[in-house]
């Protein structure tokens, strides 16, 4: 059951990545799981190296990637389909791109950050919560120093690109996403009614 690929989990990015491997090795194959997780691990390590190099030096980034790669939790979760690993990978690259925006003052890097954030939403919808504090901090510092108009325009552009990329990525499975939302809403409504019946005298 842990190796099942094709199942609904609100967003379908991880399963879209796994689909070619599932067709090659089979949806229940451990190779499908581990190769998918390996891809996201490489993405995470690339983000760690980039962030370390941007904040210090390439050597710092490589040491940080080595420490990350030796994390026991990373190895333990490589056998299962969990979204924490892919989310961490997307956040790592997102932090690197956020750093490169220089407080949303650099337009090209802001565009890259917005597009990457849209793909990250496709992986897991909780992605924005991971970058909320550092994004607000970077924005506040830049607004304090100026220029304010260009920064605000870049922020709006990043949000628009993020939502646009997510919509394009999720469009093929939009009907399934709506069905998921309705299913969870109906389930919660049923549970609320059931609890209401139980507490009657």
N, C-alpha and C. Protein backbone atom coordinates (compact mmCIF):
# COMPACT_ATOMS: atom_id res chain seq x y z
N UNK A 1 0.82 -1.20 0.00
CA UNK A 1 0.00 0.00 0.00
C UNK A 1 0.86 1.26 0.00
N UNK A 2 2.03 1.18 0.62
CA UNK A 2 2.91 2.35 0.69
C UNK A 2 3.46 2.72 -0.69
N UNK A 3 3.48 1.75 -1.60
CA UNK A 3 4.10 1.99 -2.89
C UNK A 3 3.09 2.39 -3.96
N UNK A 4 1.83 2.53 -3.59
CA UNK A 4 0.82 2.89 -4.57
C UNK A 4 1.08 4.28 -5.14
N UNK A 5 1.10 4.38 -6.47
CA UNK A 5 1.42 5.65 -7.12
C UNK A 5 0.17 6.44 -7.43
N UNK A 6 -0.81 5.81 -8.06
CA UNK A 6 -1.94 6.55 -8.59
C UNK A 6 -3.04 6.64 -7.55
N UNK A 7 -2.98 7.66 -6.75
CA UNK A 7 -4.01 7.94 -5.77
C UNK A 7 -4.10 9.44 -5.60
N UNK A 8 -5.23 9.91 -5.17
CA UNK A 8 -5.47 11.35 -5.10
C UNK A 8 -4.93 11.91 -3.80
N UNK A 9 -4.14 12.96 -3.86
CA UNK A 9 -3.59 13.61 -2.69
C UNK A 9 -3.70 15.12 -2.85
N UNK A 10 -4.86 15.59 -3.26
CA UNK A 10 -5.14 17.01 -3.45
C UNK A 10 -4.39 17.58 -4.66
N UNK A 11 -3.07 17.59 -4.64
CA UNK A 11 -2.32 17.99 -5.83
C UNK A 11 -1.60 16.78 -6.37
N UNK A 12 -1.26 16.81 -7.64
CA UNK A 12 -0.82 15.59 -8.32
C UNK A 12 0.60 15.68 -8.85
N UNK A 13 1.39 16.66 -8.42
CA UNK A 13 2.72 16.85 -8.96
C UNK A 13 3.62 15.65 -8.77
N UNK A 14 3.66 15.09 -7.55
CA UNK A 14 4.53 13.96 -7.28
C UNK A 14 4.15 12.77 -8.16
N UNK A 15 2.86 12.54 -8.32
CA UNK A 15 2.40 11.39 -9.09
C UNK A 15 2.60 11.60 -10.59
N UNK A 16 2.57 12.85 -11.03
CA UNK A 16 2.88 13.13 -12.43
C UNK A 16 4.35 12.85 -12.71
N UNK A 17 5.21 13.17 -11.75
CA UNK A 17 6.63 12.87 -11.89
C UNK A 17 6.86 11.36 -11.89
N UNK A 18 6.11 10.65 -11.05
CA UNK A 18 6.29 9.21 -10.91
C UNK A 18 5.66 8.42 -12.05
N UNK A 19 4.74 9.02 -12.79
CA UNK A 19 3.98 8.26 -13.80
C UNK A 19 4.87 7.57 -14.84
N UNK A 20 5.88 8.25 -15.42
CA UNK A 20 6.74 7.54 -16.40
C UNK A 20 7.48 6.36 -15.78
N UNK A 21 7.92 6.51 -14.54
CA UNK A 21 8.61 5.42 -13.86
C UNK A 21 7.65 4.29 -13.55
N UNK A 22 6.41 4.64 -13.21
CA UNK A 22 5.41 3.62 -12.93
C UNK A 22 5.08 2.82 -14.18
N UNK A 23 5.06 3.47 -15.32
CA UNK A 23 4.82 2.77 -16.57
C UNK A 23 5.98 1.86 -16.93
N UNK A 24 7.19 2.23 -16.50
CA UNK A 24 8.37 1.44 -16.81
C UNK A 24 8.55 0.26 -15.85
N UNK A 25 8.40 0.52 -14.55
CA UNK A 25 8.66 -0.51 -13.54
C UNK A 25 7.39 -1.08 -12.93
N UNK A 26 6.25 -0.40 -13.12
CA UNK A 26 5.01 -0.82 -12.47
C UNK A 26 4.69 0.06 -11.29
N UNK A 27 3.38 0.33 -11.04
CA UNK A 27 2.99 1.26 -9.98
C UNK A 27 3.31 0.77 -8.58
N UNK A 28 3.48 -0.54 -8.40
CA UNK A 28 3.76 -1.09 -7.07
C UNK A 28 5.25 -1.35 -6.85
N UNK A 29 6.08 -1.02 -7.84
CA UNK A 29 7.51 -1.33 -7.74
C UNK A 29 8.23 -0.37 -6.79
N UNK A 30 9.14 -0.94 -6.00
CA UNK A 30 9.93 -0.12 -5.09
C UNK A 30 10.86 0.80 -5.88
N UNK A 31 11.24 0.39 -7.11
CA UNK A 31 12.09 1.23 -7.94
C UNK A 31 11.38 2.52 -8.32
N UNK A 32 10.10 2.45 -8.55
CA UNK A 32 9.33 3.65 -8.87
C UNK A 32 9.36 4.63 -7.71
N UNK A 33 9.20 4.10 -6.51
CA UNK A 33 9.20 4.95 -5.32
C UNK A 33 10.58 5.57 -5.10
N UNK A 34 11.60 4.75 -5.12
CA UNK A 34 12.93 5.23 -4.76
C UNK A 34 13.51 6.17 -5.82
N UNK A 35 13.26 5.90 -7.09
CA UNK A 35 13.77 6.79 -8.12
C UNK A 35 13.05 8.13 -8.10
N UNK A 36 11.76 8.11 -7.80
CA UNK A 36 11.03 9.37 -7.66
C UNK A 36 11.58 10.19 -6.50
N UNK A 37 11.78 9.51 -5.35
CA UNK A 37 12.34 10.21 -4.20
C UNK A 37 13.78 10.66 -4.45
N UNK A 38 14.53 9.88 -5.24
CA UNK A 38 15.90 10.27 -5.57
C UNK A 38 15.92 11.57 -6.37
N UNK A 39 14.99 11.69 -7.31
CA UNK A 39 14.91 12.92 -8.11
C UNK A 39 14.68 14.13 -7.22
N UNK A 40 13.74 14.02 -6.29
CA UNK A 40 13.47 15.16 -5.40
C UNK A 40 14.62 15.39 -4.42
N UNK A 41 15.33 14.32 -4.05
CA UNK A 41 16.50 14.49 -3.19
C UNK A 41 17.58 15.28 -3.91
N UNK A 42 17.80 14.99 -5.18
CA UNK A 42 18.78 15.73 -5.97
C UNK A 42 18.38 17.20 -6.12
N UNK A 43 17.08 17.44 -6.28
CA UNK A 43 16.58 18.82 -6.35
C UNK A 43 16.86 19.53 -5.03
N UNK A 44 16.59 18.84 -3.93
CA UNK A 44 16.82 19.44 -2.61
C UNK A 44 18.30 19.76 -2.41
N UNK A 45 19.18 18.83 -2.76
CA UNK A 45 20.61 19.05 -2.59
C UNK A 45 21.11 20.19 -3.47
N UNK A 46 20.56 20.30 -4.68
CA UNK A 46 20.93 21.42 -5.55
C UNK A 46 20.54 22.74 -4.91
N UNK A 47 19.34 22.78 -4.29
CA UNK A 47 18.91 24.00 -3.61
C UNK A 47 19.79 24.33 -2.43
N UNK A 48 20.19 23.31 -1.68
CA UNK A 48 21.05 23.51 -0.51
C UNK A 48 22.42 24.04 -0.95
N UNK A 49 22.99 23.44 -2.00
CA UNK A 49 24.28 23.91 -2.50
C UNK A 49 24.19 25.35 -2.98
N UNK A 50 23.12 25.65 -3.74
CA UNK A 50 22.96 27.00 -4.25
C UNK A 50 22.79 28.02 -3.15
N UNK A 51 21.99 27.69 -2.14
CA UNK A 51 21.76 28.62 -1.04
C UNK A 51 23.03 28.82 -0.22
N UNK A 52 23.75 27.71 0.04
CA UNK A 52 24.99 27.83 0.79
C UNK A 52 26.03 28.65 0.05
N UNK A 53 26.11 28.45 -1.28
CA UNK A 53 27.06 29.22 -2.08
C UNK A 53 26.69 30.69 -2.12
N UNK A 54 25.38 30.99 -2.18
CA UNK A 54 24.93 32.38 -2.23
C UNK A 54 25.17 33.10 -0.91
N UNK A 55 25.01 32.38 0.19
CA UNK A 55 25.15 32.99 1.51
C UNK A 55 26.60 33.00 2.00
N UNK A 56 27.42 32.06 1.50
CA UNK A 56 28.80 31.97 1.98
C UNK A 56 29.76 31.68 0.85
N UNK A 57 29.90 30.39 0.56
CA UNK A 57 30.81 29.97 -0.50
C UNK A 57 30.34 28.62 -1.03
N UNK A 58 30.90 28.23 -2.17
CA UNK A 58 30.56 26.94 -2.74
C UNK A 58 30.93 25.81 -1.79
N UNK A 59 32.05 25.96 -1.10
CA UNK A 59 32.47 24.95 -0.13
C UNK A 59 31.44 24.79 0.98
N UNK A 60 30.90 25.91 1.46
CA UNK A 60 29.86 25.86 2.47
C UNK A 60 28.63 25.13 1.95
N UNK A 61 28.25 25.43 0.71
CA UNK A 61 27.10 24.77 0.12
C UNK A 61 27.30 23.27 -0.01
N UNK A 62 28.48 22.85 -0.40
CA UNK A 62 28.76 21.42 -0.55
C UNK A 62 28.75 20.71 0.80
N UNK A 63 29.31 21.35 1.83
CA UNK A 63 29.27 20.76 3.17
C UNK A 63 27.83 20.65 3.68
N UNK A 64 27.05 21.68 3.42
CA UNK A 64 25.64 21.64 3.84
C UNK A 64 24.89 20.53 3.12
N UNK A 65 25.17 20.34 1.83
CA UNK A 65 24.53 19.27 1.08
C UNK A 65 24.94 17.90 1.61
N UNK A 66 26.21 17.76 2.00
CA UNK A 66 26.69 16.49 2.55
C UNK A 66 25.97 16.16 3.85
N UNK A 67 25.85 17.15 4.73
CA UNK A 67 25.14 16.93 6.00
C UNK A 67 23.68 16.58 5.73
N UNK A 68 23.06 17.25 4.76
CA UNK A 68 21.67 16.97 4.43
C UNK A 68 21.51 15.55 3.88
N UNK A 69 22.43 15.14 3.01
CA UNK A 69 22.34 13.81 2.40
C UNK A 69 22.49 12.69 3.43
N UNK A 70 23.20 12.97 4.52
CA UNK A 70 23.43 11.95 5.55
C UNK A 70 22.34 11.96 6.62
N UNK A 71 21.33 12.76 6.45
CA UNK A 71 20.24 12.82 7.44
C UNK A 71 19.48 11.50 7.46
N UNK A 72 19.35 10.85 8.61
CA UNK A 72 18.67 9.53 8.67
C UNK A 72 17.22 9.58 8.17
N UNK A 73 16.52 10.66 8.46
CA UNK A 73 15.13 10.75 8.03
C UNK A 73 15.00 10.73 6.52
N UNK A 74 15.99 11.26 5.82
CA UNK A 74 15.98 11.29 4.36
C UNK A 74 16.04 9.87 3.81
N UNK A 75 16.87 9.03 4.42
CA UNK A 75 16.98 7.64 3.98
C UNK A 75 15.72 6.86 4.36
N UNK A 76 15.21 7.10 5.55
CA UNK A 76 14.05 6.34 6.03
C UNK A 76 12.81 6.58 5.18
N UNK A 77 12.62 7.81 4.73
CA UNK A 77 11.40 8.12 3.97
C UNK A 77 11.55 7.80 2.48
N UNK A 78 12.74 7.39 2.03
CA UNK A 78 12.94 7.11 0.61
C UNK A 78 12.22 5.85 0.16
N UNK A 79 11.72 5.07 1.11
CA UNK A 79 11.03 3.83 0.77
C UNK A 79 9.53 4.03 0.61
N UNK A 80 9.03 5.23 0.89
CA UNK A 80 7.59 5.45 0.91
C UNK A 80 7.21 6.67 0.09
N UNK A 81 5.93 6.70 -0.27
CA UNK A 81 5.40 7.88 -0.93
C UNK A 81 4.84 8.83 0.11
N UNK A 82 5.68 9.74 0.55
CA UNK A 82 5.25 10.81 1.44
C UNK A 82 5.61 12.13 0.78
N UNK A 83 4.84 13.15 1.05
CA UNK A 83 5.04 14.43 0.37
C UNK A 83 6.00 15.35 1.11
N UNK A 84 6.47 14.96 2.28
CA UNK A 84 7.38 15.82 3.04
C UNK A 84 8.72 16.00 2.33
N UNK A 85 9.25 14.93 1.76
CA UNK A 85 10.52 15.02 1.04
C UNK A 85 10.44 15.92 -0.18
N UNK A 86 9.47 15.68 -1.08
CA UNK A 86 9.31 16.59 -2.23
C UNK A 86 9.06 18.04 -1.82
N UNK A 87 8.27 18.24 -0.76
CA UNK A 87 8.02 19.60 -0.29
C UNK A 87 9.31 20.26 0.18
N UNK A 88 10.13 19.51 0.93
CA UNK A 88 11.41 20.05 1.40
C UNK A 88 12.31 20.42 0.23
N UNK A 89 12.30 19.59 -0.82
CA UNK A 89 13.11 19.88 -2.00
C UNK A 89 12.67 21.17 -2.67
N UNK A 90 11.37 21.34 -2.82
CA UNK A 90 10.87 22.55 -3.47
C UNK A 90 11.14 23.78 -2.62
N UNK A 91 11.05 23.64 -1.30
CA UNK A 91 11.31 24.76 -0.40
C UNK A 91 12.79 25.15 -0.45
N UNK A 92 13.67 24.16 -0.54
CA UNK A 92 15.11 24.44 -0.58
C UNK A 92 15.46 25.29 -1.80
N UNK A 93 14.95 24.91 -2.95
CA UNK A 93 15.20 25.70 -4.16
C UNK A 93 14.48 27.04 -4.08
N UNK A 94 13.28 27.02 -3.49
CA UNK A 94 12.53 28.27 -3.33
C UNK A 94 13.27 29.28 -2.48
N UNK A 95 13.90 28.82 -1.40
CA UNK A 95 14.70 29.73 -0.56
C UNK A 95 15.88 30.30 -1.33
N UNK A 96 16.52 29.45 -2.14
CA UNK A 96 17.64 29.92 -2.95
C UNK A 96 17.19 31.01 -3.93
N UNK A 97 16.07 30.76 -4.61
CA UNK A 97 15.55 31.75 -5.57
C UNK A 97 15.08 33.02 -4.86
N UNK A 98 14.49 32.86 -3.67
CA UNK A 98 14.08 34.02 -2.89
C UNK A 98 15.29 34.88 -2.54
N UNK A 99 16.38 34.25 -2.16
CA UNK A 99 17.62 34.98 -1.85
C UNK A 99 18.10 35.74 -3.08
N UNK A 100 18.00 35.10 -4.25
CA UNK A 100 18.48 35.72 -5.48
C UNK A 100 17.60 36.90 -5.92
N UNK A 101 16.36 36.96 -5.45
CA UNK A 101 15.50 38.09 -5.82
C UNK A 101 15.96 39.39 -5.18
N UNK A 102 16.79 39.27 -4.12
CA UNK A 102 17.26 40.45 -3.38
C UNK A 102 16.09 41.31 -2.90
N UNK A 103 15.17 40.63 -2.22
CA UNK A 103 14.01 41.35 -1.69
C UNK A 103 13.03 41.76 -2.78
N UNK A 104 12.91 40.94 -3.81
CA UNK A 104 12.01 41.17 -4.94
C UNK A 104 12.39 42.41 -5.74
N UNK A 105 13.66 42.80 -5.69
CA UNK A 105 14.10 43.95 -6.46
C UNK A 105 14.68 43.54 -7.82
N UNK A 106 15.05 42.26 -7.95
CA UNK A 106 15.62 41.76 -9.19
C UNK A 106 14.51 41.07 -9.99
N UNK A 107 14.12 41.65 -11.10
CA UNK A 107 12.94 41.20 -11.83
C UNK A 107 13.08 39.78 -12.37
N UNK A 108 14.21 39.46 -13.00
CA UNK A 108 14.39 38.15 -13.61
C UNK A 108 14.33 37.04 -12.56
N UNK A 109 15.00 37.24 -11.45
CA UNK A 109 14.98 36.23 -10.39
C UNK A 109 13.62 36.15 -9.72
N UNK A 110 12.90 37.27 -9.67
CA UNK A 110 11.54 37.25 -9.13
C UNK A 110 10.62 36.43 -10.02
N UNK A 111 10.81 36.54 -11.34
CA UNK A 111 10.03 35.73 -12.27
C UNK A 111 10.31 34.24 -12.04
N UNK A 112 11.59 33.90 -11.90
CA UNK A 112 11.96 32.50 -11.63
C UNK A 112 11.36 32.01 -10.32
N UNK A 113 11.38 32.87 -9.30
CA UNK A 113 10.81 32.50 -8.01
C UNK A 113 9.30 32.27 -8.12
N UNK A 114 8.61 33.12 -8.86
CA UNK A 114 7.17 32.96 -9.03
C UNK A 114 6.81 31.69 -9.76
N UNK A 115 7.53 31.39 -10.84
CA UNK A 115 7.26 30.17 -11.60
C UNK A 115 7.56 28.93 -10.76
N UNK A 116 8.67 28.96 -10.04
CA UNK A 116 9.03 27.82 -9.19
C UNK A 116 8.00 27.62 -8.08
N UNK A 117 7.49 28.70 -7.54
CA UNK A 117 6.47 28.60 -6.48
C UNK A 117 5.19 27.97 -7.02
N UNK A 118 4.86 28.27 -8.27
CA UNK A 118 3.69 27.63 -8.88
C UNK A 118 3.86 26.13 -9.01
N UNK A 119 5.04 25.70 -9.44
CA UNK A 119 5.33 24.27 -9.51
C UNK A 119 5.32 23.64 -8.12
N UNK A 120 5.80 24.38 -7.14
CA UNK A 120 5.84 23.86 -5.77
C UNK A 120 4.44 23.69 -5.20
N UNK A 121 3.54 24.59 -5.54
CA UNK A 121 2.14 24.41 -5.14
C UNK A 121 1.57 23.14 -5.73
N UNK A 122 1.99 22.82 -6.93
CA UNK A 122 1.56 21.60 -7.61
C UNK A 122 2.02 20.36 -6.85
N UNK A 123 3.17 20.48 -6.17
CA UNK A 123 3.68 19.37 -5.37
C UNK A 123 2.92 19.25 -4.05
N UNK A 124 2.75 20.38 -3.36
CA UNK A 124 2.00 20.36 -2.10
C UNK A 124 1.49 21.76 -1.80
N UNK A 125 0.22 21.85 -1.44
CA UNK A 125 -0.42 23.15 -1.26
C UNK A 125 0.08 23.91 -0.05
N UNK A 126 0.76 23.23 0.86
CA UNK A 126 1.26 23.92 2.05
C UNK A 126 2.59 24.61 1.81
N UNK A 127 3.10 24.57 0.59
CA UNK A 127 4.38 25.21 0.26
C UNK A 127 4.45 26.68 0.69
N UNK A 128 3.43 27.51 0.43
CA UNK A 128 3.55 28.94 0.81
C UNK A 128 3.81 29.17 2.29
N UNK A 129 3.31 28.29 3.15
CA UNK A 129 3.50 28.48 4.59
C UNK A 129 4.98 28.35 4.97
N UNK A 130 5.73 27.54 4.21
CA UNK A 130 7.15 27.36 4.51
C UNK A 130 7.97 28.60 4.18
N UNK A 131 7.51 29.38 3.21
CA UNK A 131 8.27 30.56 2.77
C UNK A 131 7.60 31.87 3.17
N UNK A 132 6.52 31.80 3.93
CA UNK A 132 5.79 33.02 4.28
C UNK A 132 6.65 33.99 5.07
N UNK A 133 7.27 33.50 6.14
CA UNK A 133 8.07 34.38 7.01
C UNK A 133 9.29 34.94 6.28
N UNK A 134 10.12 34.10 5.64
CA UNK A 134 11.29 34.69 4.94
C UNK A 134 10.89 35.62 3.79
N UNK A 135 9.79 35.34 3.11
CA UNK A 135 9.35 36.22 2.02
C UNK A 135 8.91 37.58 2.56
N UNK A 136 8.13 37.55 3.64
CA UNK A 136 7.67 38.81 4.24
C UNK A 136 8.85 39.61 4.79
N UNK A 137 9.82 38.91 5.38
CA UNK A 137 11.01 39.59 5.93
C UNK A 137 11.82 40.24 4.82
N UNK A 138 12.04 39.50 3.72
CA UNK A 138 12.79 40.05 2.59
C UNK A 138 12.06 41.24 1.98
N UNK A 139 10.74 41.13 1.87
CA UNK A 139 9.95 42.22 1.30
C UNK A 139 9.98 43.45 2.21
N UNK A 140 9.87 43.24 3.52
CA UNK A 140 9.87 44.36 4.45
C UNK A 140 11.20 45.11 4.42
N UNK A 141 12.30 44.36 4.37
CA UNK A 141 13.62 45.01 4.30
C UNK A 141 13.79 45.81 3.02
N UNK A 142 13.31 45.27 1.91
CA UNK A 142 13.45 45.98 0.64
C UNK A 142 12.57 47.23 0.60
N UNK A 143 11.35 47.12 1.13
CA UNK A 143 10.47 48.29 1.17
C UNK A 143 11.04 49.38 2.07
N UNK A 144 11.75 48.96 3.10
CA UNK A 144 12.37 49.93 4.01
C UNK A 144 13.48 50.71 3.32
N UNK A 145 14.19 50.01 2.43
CA UNK A 145 15.32 50.63 1.75
C UNK A 145 14.94 51.26 0.41
N UNK A 146 13.82 50.77 -0.22
CA UNK A 146 13.41 51.26 -1.53
C UNK A 146 14.18 50.55 -2.64
N UNK A 147 13.78 50.73 -3.94
CA UNK A 147 12.60 51.48 -4.39
C UNK A 147 11.31 50.69 -4.19
N UNK A 148 10.27 51.34 -3.74
CA UNK A 148 9.06 50.66 -3.35
C UNK A 148 8.18 50.23 -4.53
N UNK A 149 8.03 51.11 -5.53
CA UNK A 149 7.13 50.82 -6.64
C UNK A 149 7.58 49.58 -7.40
N UNK A 150 8.85 49.53 -7.77
CA UNK A 150 9.36 48.38 -8.52
C UNK A 150 9.25 47.10 -7.73
N UNK A 151 9.50 47.18 -6.43
CA UNK A 151 9.39 46.00 -5.58
C UNK A 151 7.96 45.49 -5.54
N UNK A 152 7.01 46.39 -5.38
CA UNK A 152 5.60 45.99 -5.33
C UNK A 152 5.14 45.39 -6.65
N UNK A 153 5.59 45.95 -7.76
CA UNK A 153 5.26 45.40 -9.08
C UNK A 153 5.82 43.99 -9.22
N UNK A 154 7.04 43.78 -8.76
CA UNK A 154 7.65 42.46 -8.84
C UNK A 154 6.92 41.44 -7.98
N UNK A 155 6.46 41.87 -6.80
CA UNK A 155 5.71 40.97 -5.93
C UNK A 155 4.40 40.54 -6.60
N UNK A 156 3.69 41.49 -7.16
CA UNK A 156 2.44 41.18 -7.87
C UNK A 156 2.72 40.24 -9.04
N UNK A 157 3.81 40.49 -9.76
CA UNK A 157 4.19 39.63 -10.87
C UNK A 157 4.49 38.21 -10.40
N UNK A 158 5.21 38.09 -9.29
CA UNK A 158 5.55 36.76 -8.77
C UNK A 158 4.30 35.99 -8.37
N UNK A 159 3.36 36.66 -7.70
CA UNK A 159 2.11 36.00 -7.29
C UNK A 159 1.31 35.56 -8.51
N UNK A 160 1.22 36.43 -9.52
CA UNK A 160 0.48 36.10 -10.73
C UNK A 160 1.10 34.91 -11.46
N UNK A 161 2.42 34.90 -11.58
CA UNK A 161 3.10 33.79 -12.23
C UNK A 161 2.94 32.49 -11.44
N UNK A 162 2.98 32.61 -10.12
CA UNK A 162 2.80 31.44 -9.27
C UNK A 162 1.43 30.81 -9.49
N UNK A 163 0.38 31.62 -9.43
CA UNK A 163 -0.97 31.10 -9.62
C UNK A 163 -1.19 30.60 -11.04
N UNK A 164 -0.60 31.31 -12.01
CA UNK A 164 -0.73 30.88 -13.39
C UNK A 164 -0.06 29.55 -13.65
N UNK A 165 1.16 29.37 -13.14
CA UNK A 165 1.87 28.11 -13.32
C UNK A 165 1.14 26.96 -12.64
N UNK A 166 0.63 27.20 -11.44
CA UNK A 166 -0.10 26.16 -10.73
C UNK A 166 -1.36 25.77 -11.50
N UNK A 167 -2.06 26.76 -12.05
CA UNK A 167 -3.28 26.47 -12.81
C UNK A 167 -2.97 25.64 -14.04
N UNK A 168 -1.91 25.99 -14.76
CA UNK A 168 -1.53 25.23 -15.95
C UNK A 168 -1.11 23.81 -15.59
N UNK A 169 -0.35 23.66 -14.51
CA UNK A 169 0.12 22.34 -14.12
C UNK A 169 -1.01 21.45 -13.63
N UNK A 170 -1.97 22.04 -12.94
CA UNK A 170 -3.05 21.27 -12.33
C UNK A 170 -4.23 21.10 -13.27
N UNK A 171 -4.26 21.84 -14.39
CA UNK A 171 -5.42 21.84 -15.29
C UNK A 171 -5.83 20.44 -15.74
N UNK A 172 -4.90 19.54 -16.13
CA UNK A 172 -5.34 18.21 -16.57
C UNK A 172 -6.07 17.42 -15.49
N UNK A 173 -5.81 17.71 -14.22
CA UNK A 173 -6.43 16.98 -13.12
C UNK A 173 -7.38 17.87 -12.33
N UNK A 174 -7.85 18.95 -12.97
CA UNK A 174 -8.69 19.91 -12.26
C UNK A 174 -10.00 19.27 -11.80
N UNK A 175 -10.59 18.43 -12.67
CA UNK A 175 -11.83 17.76 -12.30
C UNK A 175 -11.65 16.84 -11.11
N UNK A 176 -10.52 16.13 -11.08
CA UNK A 176 -10.22 15.25 -9.95
C UNK A 176 -10.01 16.04 -8.67
N UNK A 177 -9.39 17.21 -8.79
CA UNK A 177 -9.18 18.07 -7.63
C UNK A 177 -10.51 18.54 -7.06
N UNK A 178 -11.42 18.94 -7.94
CA UNK A 178 -12.75 19.36 -7.48
C UNK A 178 -13.49 18.21 -6.81
N UNK A 179 -13.37 17.01 -7.37
CA UNK A 179 -14.01 15.86 -6.75
C UNK A 179 -13.44 15.59 -5.36
N UNK A 180 -12.13 15.77 -5.21
CA UNK A 180 -11.50 15.62 -3.90
C UNK A 180 -12.07 16.61 -2.89
N UNK A 181 -12.18 17.87 -3.33
CA UNK A 181 -12.69 18.91 -2.43
C UNK A 181 -14.12 18.59 -2.01
N UNK A 182 -14.94 18.16 -2.97
CA UNK A 182 -16.33 17.80 -2.65
C UNK A 182 -16.38 16.60 -1.71
N UNK A 183 -15.51 15.61 -1.96
CA UNK A 183 -15.49 14.41 -1.12
C UNK A 183 -15.16 14.75 0.32
N UNK A 184 -14.12 15.56 0.52
CA UNK A 184 -13.72 15.93 1.88
C UNK A 184 -14.79 16.80 2.55
N UNK A 185 -15.41 17.67 1.78
CA UNK A 185 -16.48 18.51 2.34
C UNK A 185 -17.66 17.65 2.76
N UNK A 186 -18.03 16.67 1.91
CA UNK A 186 -19.15 15.78 2.25
C UNK A 186 -18.82 14.92 3.45
N UNK A 187 -17.55 14.45 3.52
CA UNK A 187 -17.14 13.62 4.65
C UNK A 187 -17.21 14.40 5.96
N UNK A 188 -16.74 15.64 5.95
CA UNK A 188 -16.79 16.47 7.16
C UNK A 188 -18.23 16.76 7.55
N UNK A 189 -19.08 17.00 6.55
CA UNK A 189 -20.49 17.27 6.84
C UNK A 189 -21.15 16.05 7.46
N UNK A 190 -20.84 14.86 6.93
CA UNK A 190 -21.39 13.63 7.47
C UNK A 190 -20.94 13.41 8.91
N UNK A 191 -19.65 13.65 9.18
CA UNK A 191 -19.13 13.47 10.53
C UNK A 191 -19.77 14.45 11.51
N UNK A 192 -19.98 15.70 11.05
CA UNK A 192 -20.63 16.69 11.91
C UNK A 192 -22.05 16.27 12.25
N UNK A 193 -22.77 15.74 11.26
CA UNK A 193 -24.14 15.29 11.50
C UNK A 193 -24.17 14.09 12.43
N UNK A 194 -23.20 13.19 12.24
CA UNK A 194 -23.13 12.00 13.08
C UNK A 194 -22.85 12.37 14.53
N UNK A 195 -21.96 13.33 14.74
CA UNK A 195 -21.67 13.79 16.09
C UNK A 195 -22.87 14.49 16.71
N UNK A 196 -23.61 15.21 15.88
CA UNK A 196 -24.80 15.91 16.39
C UNK A 196 -25.85 14.92 16.86
N UNK A 197 -25.96 13.76 16.16
CA UNK A 197 -26.92 12.74 16.55
C UNK A 197 -26.50 12.10 17.86
N UNK A 198 -25.19 11.89 18.03
CA UNK A 198 -24.69 11.21 19.22
C UNK A 198 -24.91 12.00 20.51
N UNK A 199 -24.93 13.33 20.41
CA UNK A 199 -25.03 14.12 21.63
C UNK A 199 -26.47 14.43 22.01
N UNK A 200 -27.42 13.96 21.22
CA UNK A 200 -28.82 14.19 21.59
C UNK A 200 -29.19 13.34 22.81
N UNK A 201 -30.01 13.89 23.70
CA UNK A 201 -30.39 13.11 24.90
C UNK A 201 -31.35 11.97 24.56
